[in-house]
């Protein structure tokens, strides 16, 4: 890659990062702290003065702060990344196809027909969980599809908020709260 192409690539990546930071509602100081980057570097990225190729370590720190992989940050188009800044993953076409093909419960099929947009927001693990709930006498039949999907969506929002809080100075408080709650609930260990 020649120098002009590297500059263009670095500027495009910096612009993408700046737009994602803006979407999160973070200011320069927030992002510098969350990404563990020098304020001068962050200023260059966010204000379009980044003229050179971004270092791999800088891109890695930016990706981690934005809860993305380096590959996602570098290769995914901005329009697919923006919804993720609000906890909305891009539609997984294969998982969605699997959901439509394996939905056997009439109430689930009916819900899918009425709620295509919400169904498209389900993550692959949520799709699998939903499919497992449709067994005879399962939660979908007992509690209703709308209620079960609502619980999945609420759980996703809570997980997203926990990830956001974990990137702040409130991490230790969050850790203590989660430990206390975990001891109270005593769920089977998954981790």
N, C-alpha and C. Protein backbone atom coordinates (compact mmCIF):
# COMPACT_ATOMS: atom_id res chain seq x y z
N UNK A 1 0.84 -1.17 0.00
CA UNK A 1 0.00 0.00 0.00
C UNK A 1 0.89 1.23 0.00
N UNK A 2 0.64 2.18 -0.90
CA UNK A 2 1.47 3.38 -0.96
C UNK A 2 1.09 4.35 0.15
N UNK A 3 1.91 5.40 0.32
CA UNK A 3 1.72 6.36 1.42
C UNK A 3 0.38 7.08 1.33
N UNK A 4 -0.04 7.45 0.13
CA UNK A 4 -1.32 8.16 -0.03
C UNK A 4 -2.49 7.25 0.35
N UNK A 5 -2.42 5.99 -0.03
CA UNK A 5 -3.49 5.04 0.32
C UNK A 5 -3.52 4.79 1.82
N UNK A 6 -2.34 4.71 2.46
CA UNK A 6 -2.28 4.53 3.90
C UNK A 6 -2.89 5.72 4.63
N UNK A 7 -2.59 6.94 4.15
CA UNK A 7 -3.15 8.13 4.77
C UNK A 7 -4.66 8.13 4.65
N UNK A 8 -5.17 7.78 3.47
CA UNK A 8 -6.60 7.73 3.24
C UNK A 8 -7.25 6.69 4.14
N UNK A 9 -6.63 5.50 4.22
CA UNK A 9 -7.15 4.42 5.06
C UNK A 9 -7.15 4.83 6.52
N UNK A 10 -6.08 5.46 6.99
CA UNK A 10 -5.99 5.93 8.38
C UNK A 10 -7.03 6.99 8.67
N UNK A 11 -7.26 7.90 7.73
CA UNK A 11 -8.26 8.95 7.91
C UNK A 11 -9.67 8.36 7.94
N UNK A 12 -9.94 7.38 7.08
CA UNK A 12 -11.26 6.74 7.07
C UNK A 12 -11.52 6.01 8.38
N UNK A 13 -10.53 5.30 8.88
CA UNK A 13 -10.68 4.59 10.13
C UNK A 13 -10.87 5.57 11.28
N UNK A 14 -10.11 6.64 11.29
CA UNK A 14 -10.25 7.67 12.33
C UNK A 14 -11.65 8.29 12.28
N UNK A 15 -12.15 8.54 11.08
CA UNK A 15 -13.50 9.10 10.95
C UNK A 15 -14.55 8.12 11.46
N UNK A 16 -14.36 6.84 11.19
CA UNK A 16 -15.29 5.81 11.66
C UNK A 16 -15.28 5.78 13.19
N UNK A 17 -14.08 5.79 13.78
CA UNK A 17 -13.96 5.77 15.24
C UNK A 17 -14.64 7.00 15.83
N UNK A 18 -14.38 8.16 15.24
CA UNK A 18 -14.98 9.41 15.73
C UNK A 18 -16.50 9.33 15.71
N UNK A 19 -17.05 8.79 14.64
CA UNK A 19 -18.52 8.68 14.53
C UNK A 19 -19.08 7.72 15.57
N UNK A 20 -18.39 6.61 15.83
CA UNK A 20 -18.84 5.65 16.83
C UNK A 20 -18.76 6.23 18.25
N UNK A 21 -17.72 6.98 18.51
CA UNK A 21 -17.57 7.64 19.82
C UNK A 21 -18.70 8.67 19.99
N UNK A 22 -18.99 9.40 18.95
CA UNK A 22 -20.09 10.37 18.99
C UNK A 22 -21.41 9.66 19.26
N UNK A 23 -21.62 8.53 18.62
CA UNK A 23 -22.86 7.76 18.79
C UNK A 23 -23.00 7.27 20.23
N UNK A 24 -21.89 6.95 20.87
CA UNK A 24 -21.91 6.52 22.27
C UNK A 24 -22.21 7.70 23.21
N UNK A 25 -22.00 8.92 22.71
CA UNK A 25 -22.23 10.10 23.55
C UNK A 25 -21.04 10.44 24.42
N UNK A 26 -19.86 9.91 24.08
CA UNK A 26 -18.67 10.17 24.85
C UNK A 26 -17.98 11.44 24.36
N UNK A 27 -17.36 12.17 25.28
CA UNK A 27 -16.52 13.29 24.88
C UNK A 27 -15.07 12.80 24.78
N UNK A 28 -14.19 13.71 24.44
CA UNK A 28 -12.78 13.36 24.23
C UNK A 28 -12.16 12.75 25.49
N UNK A 29 -12.44 13.34 26.65
CA UNK A 29 -11.87 12.84 27.90
C UNK A 29 -12.40 11.45 28.24
N UNK A 30 -13.71 11.25 28.03
CA UNK A 30 -14.31 9.93 28.28
C UNK A 30 -13.60 8.87 27.44
N UNK A 31 -13.48 9.16 26.16
CA UNK A 31 -12.90 8.16 25.26
C UNK A 31 -11.42 7.92 25.57
N UNK A 32 -10.69 8.97 25.89
CA UNK A 32 -9.27 8.80 26.23
C UNK A 32 -9.12 7.89 27.45
N UNK A 33 -9.99 8.09 28.45
CA UNK A 33 -9.93 7.27 29.66
C UNK A 33 -10.35 5.83 29.36
N UNK A 34 -11.47 5.65 28.64
CA UNK A 34 -11.98 4.31 28.37
C UNK A 34 -11.04 3.50 27.47
N UNK A 35 -10.41 4.19 26.53
CA UNK A 35 -9.51 3.51 25.60
C UNK A 35 -8.08 3.45 26.12
N UNK A 36 -7.82 4.13 27.23
CA UNK A 36 -6.47 4.19 27.80
C UNK A 36 -5.48 4.74 26.78
N UNK A 37 -5.89 5.86 26.16
CA UNK A 37 -5.05 6.51 25.16
C UNK A 37 -4.71 7.93 25.60
N UNK A 38 -3.62 8.43 25.07
CA UNK A 38 -3.19 9.80 25.30
C UNK A 38 -4.25 10.76 24.75
N UNK A 39 -4.53 11.84 25.48
CA UNK A 39 -5.54 12.81 25.04
C UNK A 39 -5.19 13.42 23.68
N UNK A 40 -3.90 13.61 23.41
CA UNK A 40 -3.48 14.18 22.13
C UNK A 40 -3.84 13.23 20.98
N UNK A 41 -3.59 11.94 21.18
CA UNK A 41 -3.93 10.93 20.16
C UNK A 41 -5.43 10.92 19.92
N UNK A 42 -6.19 10.94 21.00
CA UNK A 42 -7.66 10.93 20.88
C UNK A 42 -8.13 12.19 20.16
N UNK A 43 -7.54 13.32 20.49
CA UNK A 43 -7.91 14.57 19.82
C UNK A 43 -7.67 14.46 18.31
N UNK A 44 -6.54 13.89 17.93
CA UNK A 44 -6.24 13.72 16.50
C UNK A 44 -7.27 12.82 15.81
N UNK A 45 -7.68 11.76 16.49
CA UNK A 45 -8.65 10.84 15.90
C UNK A 45 -10.02 11.51 15.79
N UNK A 46 -10.48 12.11 16.88
CA UNK A 46 -11.84 12.65 16.93
C UNK A 46 -12.04 13.93 16.13
N UNK A 47 -10.98 14.67 15.90
CA UNK A 47 -11.13 15.95 15.21
C UNK A 47 -10.53 15.96 13.80
N UNK A 48 -10.29 14.77 13.28
CA UNK A 48 -9.89 14.66 11.89
C UNK A 48 -8.51 15.18 11.56
N UNK A 49 -7.66 15.30 12.56
CA UNK A 49 -6.30 15.77 12.28
C UNK A 49 -5.33 14.60 12.16
N UNK A 50 -5.88 13.38 12.19
CA UNK A 50 -5.06 12.17 12.06
C UNK A 50 -4.65 12.02 10.59
N UNK A 51 -3.41 12.32 10.30
CA UNK A 51 -2.93 12.28 8.90
C UNK A 51 -2.17 11.01 8.57
N UNK A 52 -1.74 10.31 9.60
CA UNK A 52 -0.94 9.10 9.36
C UNK A 52 -1.75 7.87 9.69
N UNK A 53 -1.17 6.73 9.35
CA UNK A 53 -1.78 5.43 9.61
C UNK A 53 -1.87 5.21 11.11
N UNK A 54 -3.02 4.77 11.62
CA UNK A 54 -3.17 4.50 13.05
C UNK A 54 -2.38 3.25 13.43
N UNK A 55 -1.68 3.31 14.53
CA UNK A 55 -0.91 2.17 15.01
C UNK A 55 -1.86 1.06 15.43
N UNK A 56 -1.40 -0.19 15.28
CA UNK A 56 -2.22 -1.34 15.65
C UNK A 56 -2.64 -1.29 17.11
N UNK A 57 -1.75 -0.89 17.99
CA UNK A 57 -2.08 -0.82 19.42
C UNK A 57 -3.17 0.21 19.68
N UNK A 58 -3.14 1.31 18.94
CA UNK A 58 -4.17 2.35 19.08
C UNK A 58 -5.52 1.83 18.60
N UNK A 59 -5.52 1.18 17.45
CA UNK A 59 -6.77 0.62 16.91
C UNK A 59 -7.31 -0.43 17.87
N UNK A 60 -6.45 -1.25 18.43
CA UNK A 60 -6.87 -2.28 19.37
C UNK A 60 -7.53 -1.67 20.61
N UNK A 61 -6.96 -0.62 21.14
CA UNK A 61 -7.53 0.04 22.31
C UNK A 61 -8.86 0.70 21.98
N UNK A 62 -8.95 1.29 20.80
CA UNK A 62 -10.21 1.92 20.37
C UNK A 62 -11.29 0.85 20.23
N UNK A 63 -10.95 -0.26 19.60
CA UNK A 63 -11.92 -1.34 19.40
C UNK A 63 -12.40 -1.88 20.75
N UNK A 64 -11.49 -2.09 21.67
CA UNK A 64 -11.86 -2.63 22.98
C UNK A 64 -12.80 -1.67 23.70
N UNK A 65 -12.51 -0.38 23.67
CA UNK A 65 -13.37 0.60 24.33
C UNK A 65 -14.76 0.62 23.71
N UNK A 66 -14.84 0.38 22.40
CA UNK A 66 -16.12 0.39 21.69
C UNK A 66 -16.81 -0.97 21.72
N UNK A 67 -16.20 -1.93 22.42
CA UNK A 67 -16.73 -3.28 22.53
C UNK A 67 -16.83 -3.97 21.16
N UNK A 68 -15.78 -3.81 20.37
CA UNK A 68 -15.69 -4.41 19.05
C UNK A 68 -14.37 -5.17 18.95
N UNK A 69 -14.27 -6.04 17.97
CA UNK A 69 -12.97 -6.63 17.67
C UNK A 69 -12.25 -5.69 16.70
N UNK A 70 -10.95 -5.85 16.60
CA UNK A 70 -10.19 -5.03 15.66
C UNK A 70 -10.68 -5.28 14.24
N UNK A 71 -10.94 -6.53 13.91
CA UNK A 71 -11.43 -6.87 12.57
C UNK A 71 -12.76 -6.19 12.29
N UNK A 72 -13.69 -6.21 13.26
CA UNK A 72 -14.98 -5.54 13.07
C UNK A 72 -14.78 -4.05 12.85
N UNK A 73 -13.94 -3.43 13.66
CA UNK A 73 -13.72 -2.01 13.54
C UNK A 73 -13.09 -1.65 12.20
N UNK A 74 -12.15 -2.44 11.75
CA UNK A 74 -11.48 -2.14 10.49
C UNK A 74 -12.34 -2.46 9.26
N UNK A 75 -13.08 -3.57 9.31
CA UNK A 75 -13.71 -4.05 8.07
C UNK A 75 -15.21 -3.83 7.95
N UNK A 76 -15.93 -3.75 9.07
CA UNK A 76 -17.38 -3.59 8.96
C UNK A 76 -17.75 -2.16 8.60
N UNK A 77 -18.74 -2.00 7.73
CA UNK A 77 -19.17 -0.64 7.38
C UNK A 77 -19.82 0.05 8.57
N UNK A 78 -19.72 1.35 8.60
CA UNK A 78 -20.24 2.16 9.69
C UNK A 78 -21.73 1.89 9.94
N UNK A 79 -22.51 1.75 8.89
CA UNK A 79 -23.95 1.55 9.07
C UNK A 79 -24.29 0.25 9.79
N UNK A 80 -23.38 -0.74 9.76
CA UNK A 80 -23.60 -1.98 10.52
C UNK A 80 -23.10 -1.86 11.95
N UNK A 81 -22.15 -0.94 12.18
CA UNK A 81 -21.60 -0.77 13.52
C UNK A 81 -22.44 0.15 14.39
N UNK A 82 -23.07 1.14 13.79
CA UNK A 82 -23.84 2.13 14.56
C UNK A 82 -24.90 1.50 15.46
N UNK A 83 -25.71 0.56 14.97
CA UNK A 83 -26.72 -0.03 15.87
C UNK A 83 -26.10 -0.73 17.07
N UNK A 84 -24.90 -1.24 16.90
CA UNK A 84 -24.24 -1.96 17.99
C UNK A 84 -23.84 -1.03 19.13
N UNK A 85 -23.71 0.26 18.84
CA UNK A 85 -23.36 1.21 19.89
C UNK A 85 -24.50 1.35 20.90
N UNK A 86 -25.69 0.91 20.51
CA UNK A 86 -26.86 0.97 21.38
C UNK A 86 -27.32 -0.42 21.79
N UNK A 87 -26.44 -1.41 21.64
CA UNK A 87 -26.76 -2.76 22.05
C UNK A 87 -27.60 -3.53 21.06
N UNK A 88 -27.71 -3.02 19.85
CA UNK A 88 -28.49 -3.72 18.82
C UNK A 88 -27.52 -4.36 17.84
N UNK A 89 -27.36 -5.68 17.92
CA UNK A 89 -26.44 -6.33 17.01
C UNK A 89 -27.00 -6.37 15.59
N UNK A 90 -26.13 -6.37 14.59
CA UNK A 90 -26.63 -6.51 13.23
C UNK A 90 -27.30 -7.86 13.06
N UNK A 91 -28.28 -7.89 12.21
CA UNK A 91 -29.02 -9.14 12.00
C UNK A 91 -28.08 -10.24 11.54
N UNK A 92 -28.21 -11.39 12.16
CA UNK A 92 -27.47 -12.56 11.74
C UNK A 92 -28.40 -13.35 10.83
N UNK A 93 -28.16 -13.25 9.55
CA UNK A 93 -29.07 -13.82 8.55
C UNK A 93 -29.23 -15.33 8.72
N UNK A 94 -28.15 -16.03 9.03
CA UNK A 94 -28.22 -17.48 9.17
C UNK A 94 -29.07 -17.87 10.38
N UNK A 95 -28.89 -17.17 11.51
CA UNK A 95 -29.68 -17.46 12.71
C UNK A 95 -31.15 -17.15 12.47
N UNK A 96 -31.41 -16.06 11.77
CA UNK A 96 -32.79 -15.67 11.48
C UNK A 96 -33.46 -16.70 10.57
N UNK A 97 -32.72 -17.15 9.58
CA UNK A 97 -33.24 -18.18 8.67
C UNK A 97 -33.54 -19.45 9.46
N UNK A 98 -32.64 -19.82 10.37
CA UNK A 98 -32.81 -20.99 11.22
C UNK A 98 -34.08 -20.85 12.08
N UNK A 99 -34.30 -19.66 12.61
CA UNK A 99 -35.49 -19.42 13.43
C UNK A 99 -36.77 -19.63 12.63
N UNK A 100 -36.82 -19.05 11.43
CA UNK A 100 -38.01 -19.19 10.60
C UNK A 100 -38.23 -20.64 10.16
N UNK A 101 -37.16 -21.35 9.89
CA UNK A 101 -37.28 -22.75 9.45
C UNK A 101 -37.69 -23.69 10.57
N UNK A 102 -37.20 -23.45 11.79
CA UNK A 102 -37.43 -24.39 12.89
C UNK A 102 -38.57 -23.99 13.82
N UNK A 103 -39.18 -22.84 13.59
CA UNK A 103 -40.31 -22.42 14.42
C UNK A 103 -41.48 -23.36 14.14
N UNK A 104 -41.86 -24.14 15.15
CA UNK A 104 -42.93 -25.12 14.98
C UNK A 104 -44.18 -24.73 15.77
N UNK A 105 -44.01 -24.03 16.86
CA UNK A 105 -45.13 -23.62 17.69
C UNK A 105 -45.94 -22.56 16.95
N UNK A 106 -47.23 -22.77 16.74
CA UNK A 106 -48.04 -21.80 15.99
C UNK A 106 -47.95 -20.37 16.53
N UNK A 107 -47.90 -20.22 17.86
CA UNK A 107 -47.79 -18.87 18.44
C UNK A 107 -46.47 -18.21 18.06
N UNK A 108 -45.39 -19.00 17.99
CA UNK A 108 -44.09 -18.46 17.59
C UNK A 108 -44.11 -18.06 16.11
N UNK A 109 -44.68 -18.88 15.27
CA UNK A 109 -44.78 -18.57 13.84
C UNK A 109 -45.58 -17.29 13.65
N UNK A 110 -46.69 -17.18 14.37
CA UNK A 110 -47.53 -15.98 14.28
C UNK A 110 -46.77 -14.75 14.76
N UNK A 111 -46.03 -14.88 15.88
CA UNK A 111 -45.25 -13.76 16.40
C UNK A 111 -44.20 -13.32 15.38
N UNK A 112 -43.53 -14.28 14.75
CA UNK A 112 -42.51 -13.96 13.75
C UNK A 112 -43.11 -13.18 12.58
N UNK A 113 -44.31 -13.55 12.15
CA UNK A 113 -44.97 -12.84 11.05
C UNK A 113 -45.30 -11.40 11.42
N UNK A 114 -45.67 -11.18 12.67
CA UNK A 114 -46.05 -9.83 13.12
C UNK A 114 -44.86 -8.97 13.53
N UNK A 115 -43.72 -9.58 13.85
CA UNK A 115 -42.59 -8.85 14.45
C UNK A 115 -41.28 -9.11 13.73
N UNK A 116 -41.26 -8.93 12.44
CA UNK A 116 -40.04 -9.21 11.65
C UNK A 116 -38.84 -8.37 12.11
N UNK A 117 -39.07 -7.10 12.43
CA UNK A 117 -37.97 -6.24 12.86
C UNK A 117 -37.36 -6.72 14.19
N UNK A 118 -38.22 -7.04 15.13
CA UNK A 118 -37.71 -7.53 16.42
C UNK A 118 -37.01 -8.87 16.26
N UNK A 119 -37.55 -9.72 15.42
CA UNK A 119 -36.91 -11.03 15.18
C UNK A 119 -35.52 -10.83 14.58
N UNK A 120 -35.36 -9.85 13.71
CA UNK A 120 -34.07 -9.60 13.07
C UNK A 120 -33.02 -9.12 14.06
N UNK A 121 -33.44 -8.58 15.20
CA UNK A 121 -32.50 -8.09 16.21
C UNK A 121 -32.02 -9.19 17.16
N UNK A 122 -32.65 -10.36 17.10
CA UNK A 122 -32.24 -11.45 17.99
C UNK A 122 -30.85 -11.96 17.62
N UNK A 123 -30.02 -12.17 18.63
CA UNK A 123 -28.68 -12.71 18.42
C UNK A 123 -28.79 -14.22 18.22
N UNK A 124 -27.77 -14.84 17.63
CA UNK A 124 -27.81 -16.30 17.41
C UNK A 124 -28.07 -17.10 18.69
N UNK A 125 -27.46 -16.71 19.82
CA UNK A 125 -27.70 -17.44 21.07
C UNK A 125 -29.14 -17.26 21.55
N UNK A 126 -29.73 -16.09 21.29
CA UNK A 126 -31.12 -15.85 21.67
C UNK A 126 -32.08 -16.66 20.78
N UNK A 127 -31.74 -16.76 19.50
CA UNK A 127 -32.54 -17.57 18.59
C UNK A 127 -32.55 -19.02 19.07
N UNK A 128 -31.37 -19.54 19.41
CA UNK A 128 -31.26 -20.92 19.88
C UNK A 128 -32.07 -21.12 21.16
N UNK A 129 -31.97 -20.17 22.07
CA UNK A 129 -32.72 -20.26 23.32
C UNK A 129 -34.22 -20.24 23.06
N UNK A 130 -34.66 -19.39 22.16
CA UNK A 130 -36.07 -19.31 21.81
C UNK A 130 -36.57 -20.62 21.20
N UNK A 131 -35.77 -21.19 20.32
CA UNK A 131 -36.15 -22.47 19.70
C UNK A 131 -36.24 -23.58 20.75
N UNK A 132 -35.35 -23.57 21.72
CA UNK A 132 -35.37 -24.59 22.77
C UNK A 132 -36.57 -24.42 23.69
N UNK A 133 -37.13 -23.21 23.78
CA UNK A 133 -38.28 -22.94 24.64
C UNK A 133 -39.60 -23.44 24.07
N UNK A 134 -39.61 -23.86 22.80
CA UNK A 134 -40.88 -24.20 22.18
C UNK A 134 -41.30 -25.66 22.35
N UNK A 135 -40.59 -26.41 23.14
CA UNK A 135 -40.95 -27.81 23.37
C UNK A 135 -42.32 -27.94 24.04
N UNK A 136 -42.86 -29.15 24.06
CA UNK A 136 -44.17 -29.37 24.69
C UNK A 136 -44.15 -28.94 26.15
N UNK A 137 -45.07 -28.08 26.52
CA UNK A 137 -45.14 -27.57 27.89
C UNK A 137 -44.00 -26.64 28.24
N UNK A 138 -43.27 -26.17 27.23
CA UNK A 138 -42.13 -25.28 27.46
C UNK A 138 -42.56 -23.86 27.77
N UNK A 139 -41.57 -23.01 28.05
CA UNK A 139 -41.86 -21.62 28.43
C UNK A 139 -42.68 -20.83 27.39
N UNK A 140 -42.47 -21.09 26.10
CA UNK A 140 -43.23 -20.35 25.10
C UNK A 140 -44.73 -20.65 25.22
N UNK A 141 -45.05 -21.90 25.48
CA UNK A 141 -46.47 -22.28 25.62
C UNK A 141 -47.03 -21.77 26.95
N UNK A 142 -46.22 -21.86 28.02
CA UNK A 142 -46.70 -21.47 29.35
C UNK A 142 -46.77 -19.96 29.53
N UNK A 143 -45.69 -19.27 29.15
CA UNK A 143 -45.59 -17.84 29.41
C UNK A 143 -46.00 -16.96 28.23
N UNK A 144 -45.98 -17.53 27.04
CA UNK A 144 -46.30 -16.77 25.84
C UNK A 144 -45.04 -16.29 25.15
N UNK A 145 -45.11 -16.22 23.84
CA UNK A 145 -43.96 -15.82 23.03
C UNK A 145 -43.55 -14.38 23.33
N UNK A 146 -44.53 -13.48 23.38
CA UNK A 146 -44.23 -12.06 23.61
C UNK A 146 -43.46 -11.88 24.92
N UNK A 147 -43.90 -12.55 25.97
CA UNK A 147 -43.24 -12.43 27.27
C UNK A 147 -41.81 -12.96 27.21
N UNK A 148 -41.61 -14.10 26.58
CA UNK A 148 -40.26 -14.70 26.50
C UNK A 148 -39.31 -13.84 25.68
N UNK A 149 -39.79 -13.31 24.55
CA UNK A 149 -38.95 -12.44 23.73
C UNK A 149 -38.62 -11.16 24.49
N UNK A 150 -39.62 -10.63 25.19
CA UNK A 150 -39.39 -9.43 25.99
C UNK A 150 -38.30 -9.66 27.03
N UNK A 151 -38.30 -10.83 27.68
CA UNK A 151 -37.26 -11.15 28.65
C UNK A 151 -35.88 -11.23 28.00
N UNK A 152 -35.81 -11.83 26.80
CA UNK A 152 -34.54 -11.90 26.07
C UNK A 152 -34.03 -10.51 25.73
N UNK A 153 -34.92 -9.63 25.28
CA UNK A 153 -34.54 -8.26 24.92
C UNK A 153 -34.09 -7.48 26.15
N UNK A 154 -34.81 -7.64 27.24
CA UNK A 154 -34.44 -6.94 28.48
C UNK A 154 -33.08 -7.41 28.97
N UNK A 155 -32.84 -8.72 28.90
CA UNK A 155 -31.54 -9.27 29.32
C UNK A 155 -30.41 -8.69 28.47
N UNK A 156 -30.66 -8.58 27.14
CA UNK A 156 -29.64 -8.02 26.24
C UNK A 156 -29.33 -6.57 26.62
N UNK A 157 -30.37 -5.79 26.92
CA UNK A 157 -30.16 -4.38 27.31
C UNK A 157 -29.35 -4.29 28.61
N UNK A 158 -29.67 -5.15 29.58
CA UNK A 158 -28.94 -5.14 30.85
C UNK A 158 -27.48 -5.51 30.61
N UNK A 159 -27.24 -6.54 29.81
CA UNK A 159 -25.86 -6.96 29.52
C UNK A 159 -25.08 -5.84 28.85
N UNK A 160 -25.72 -5.12 27.94
CA UNK A 160 -25.07 -4.00 27.26
C UNK A 160 -24.72 -2.90 28.26
N UNK A 161 -25.64 -2.61 29.15
CA UNK A 161 -25.38 -1.57 30.16
C UNK A 161 -24.27 -1.99 31.11
N UNK A 162 -24.24 -3.27 31.47
CA UNK A 162 -23.17 -3.77 32.34
C UNK A 162 -21.82 -3.61 31.64
N UNK A 163 -21.77 -3.95 30.34
CA UNK A 163 -20.51 -3.77 29.58
C UNK A 163 -20.09 -2.31 29.58
N UNK A 164 -21.05 -1.40 29.41
CA UNK A 164 -20.73 0.03 29.41
C UNK A 164 -20.19 0.46 30.77
N UNK A 165 -20.84 0.02 31.84
CA UNK A 165 -20.41 0.39 33.19
C UNK A 165 -19.04 -0.21 33.49
N UNK A 166 -18.78 -1.42 32.98
CA UNK A 166 -17.50 -2.09 33.24
C UNK A 166 -16.32 -1.33 32.64
N UNK A 167 -16.59 -0.41 31.73
CA UNK A 167 -15.52 0.38 31.11
C UNK A 167 -15.35 1.73 31.79
N UNK A 168 -15.93 1.89 32.97
CA UNK A 168 -15.85 3.18 33.66
C UNK A 168 -15.17 3.01 35.02
N UNK A 169 -15.08 4.11 35.72
CA UNK A 169 -14.50 4.08 37.07
C UNK A 169 -15.42 3.38 38.07
N UNK A 170 -16.64 3.03 37.66
CA UNK A 170 -17.58 2.34 38.54
C UNK A 170 -17.46 0.81 38.46
N UNK A 171 -16.43 0.33 37.78
CA UNK A 171 -16.26 -1.12 37.62
C UNK A 171 -16.19 -1.85 38.96
N UNK A 172 -15.41 -1.34 39.90
CA UNK A 172 -15.27 -2.03 41.19
C UNK A 172 -16.60 -2.11 41.93
N UNK A 173 -17.40 -1.04 41.88
CA UNK A 173 -18.71 -1.06 42.50
C UNK A 173 -19.61 -2.09 41.81
N UNK A 174 -19.56 -2.12 40.49
CA UNK A 174 -20.33 -3.11 39.73
C UNK A 174 -19.91 -4.52 40.11
N UNK A 175 -18.61 -4.74 40.20
CA UNK A 175 -18.09 -6.06 40.55
C UNK A 175 -18.59 -6.50 41.93
N UNK A 176 -18.58 -5.59 42.89
CA UNK A 176 -19.05 -5.90 44.24
C UNK A 176 -20.55 -6.22 44.24
N UNK A 177 -21.32 -5.43 43.50
CA UNK A 177 -22.76 -5.64 43.42
C UNK A 177 -23.08 -6.99 42.79
N UNK A 178 -22.40 -7.30 41.71
CA UNK A 178 -22.64 -8.57 41.02
C UNK A 178 -22.26 -9.74 41.93
N UNK A 179 -21.16 -9.63 42.63
CA UNK A 179 -20.73 -10.69 43.55
C UNK A 179 -21.78 -10.90 44.65
N UNK A 180 -22.27 -9.81 45.23
CA UNK A 180 -23.28 -9.89 46.28
C UNK A 180 -24.56 -10.54 45.76
N UNK A 181 -25.00 -10.11 44.61
CA UNK A 181 -26.21 -10.65 44.00
C UNK A 181 -26.03 -12.13 43.63
N UNK A 182 -24.87 -12.46 43.11
CA UNK A 182 -24.57 -13.84 42.72
C UNK A 182 -24.61 -14.77 43.94
N UNK A 183 -24.05 -14.32 45.05
CA UNK A 183 -24.06 -15.11 46.28
C UNK A 183 -25.49 -15.31 46.78
N UNK A 184 -26.32 -14.31 46.62
CA UNK A 184 -27.71 -14.38 47.06
C UNK A 184 -28.52 -15.35 46.21
N UNK A 185 -28.31 -15.32 44.90
CA UNK A 185 -29.08 -16.14 43.96
C UNK A 185 -28.54 -17.57 43.90
N UNK A 186 -27.25 -17.74 43.99
CA UNK A 186 -26.57 -19.04 43.91
C UNK A 186 -26.94 -19.82 42.66
N UNK A 187 -26.74 -19.21 41.49
CA UNK A 187 -27.05 -19.95 40.24
C UNK A 187 -25.97 -20.98 39.96
N UNK A 188 -26.27 -21.98 39.12
CA UNK A 188 -25.21 -22.93 38.73
C UNK A 188 -24.13 -22.18 37.97
N UNK A 189 -22.89 -22.52 38.22
CA UNK A 189 -21.77 -21.83 37.60
C UNK A 189 -21.68 -22.14 36.12
N UNK A 190 -21.56 -21.10 35.29
CA UNK A 190 -21.39 -21.27 33.84
C UNK A 190 -20.01 -20.81 33.39
N UNK A 191 -19.34 -20.05 34.23
CA UNK A 191 -18.05 -19.46 33.84
C UNK A 191 -16.90 -20.17 34.51
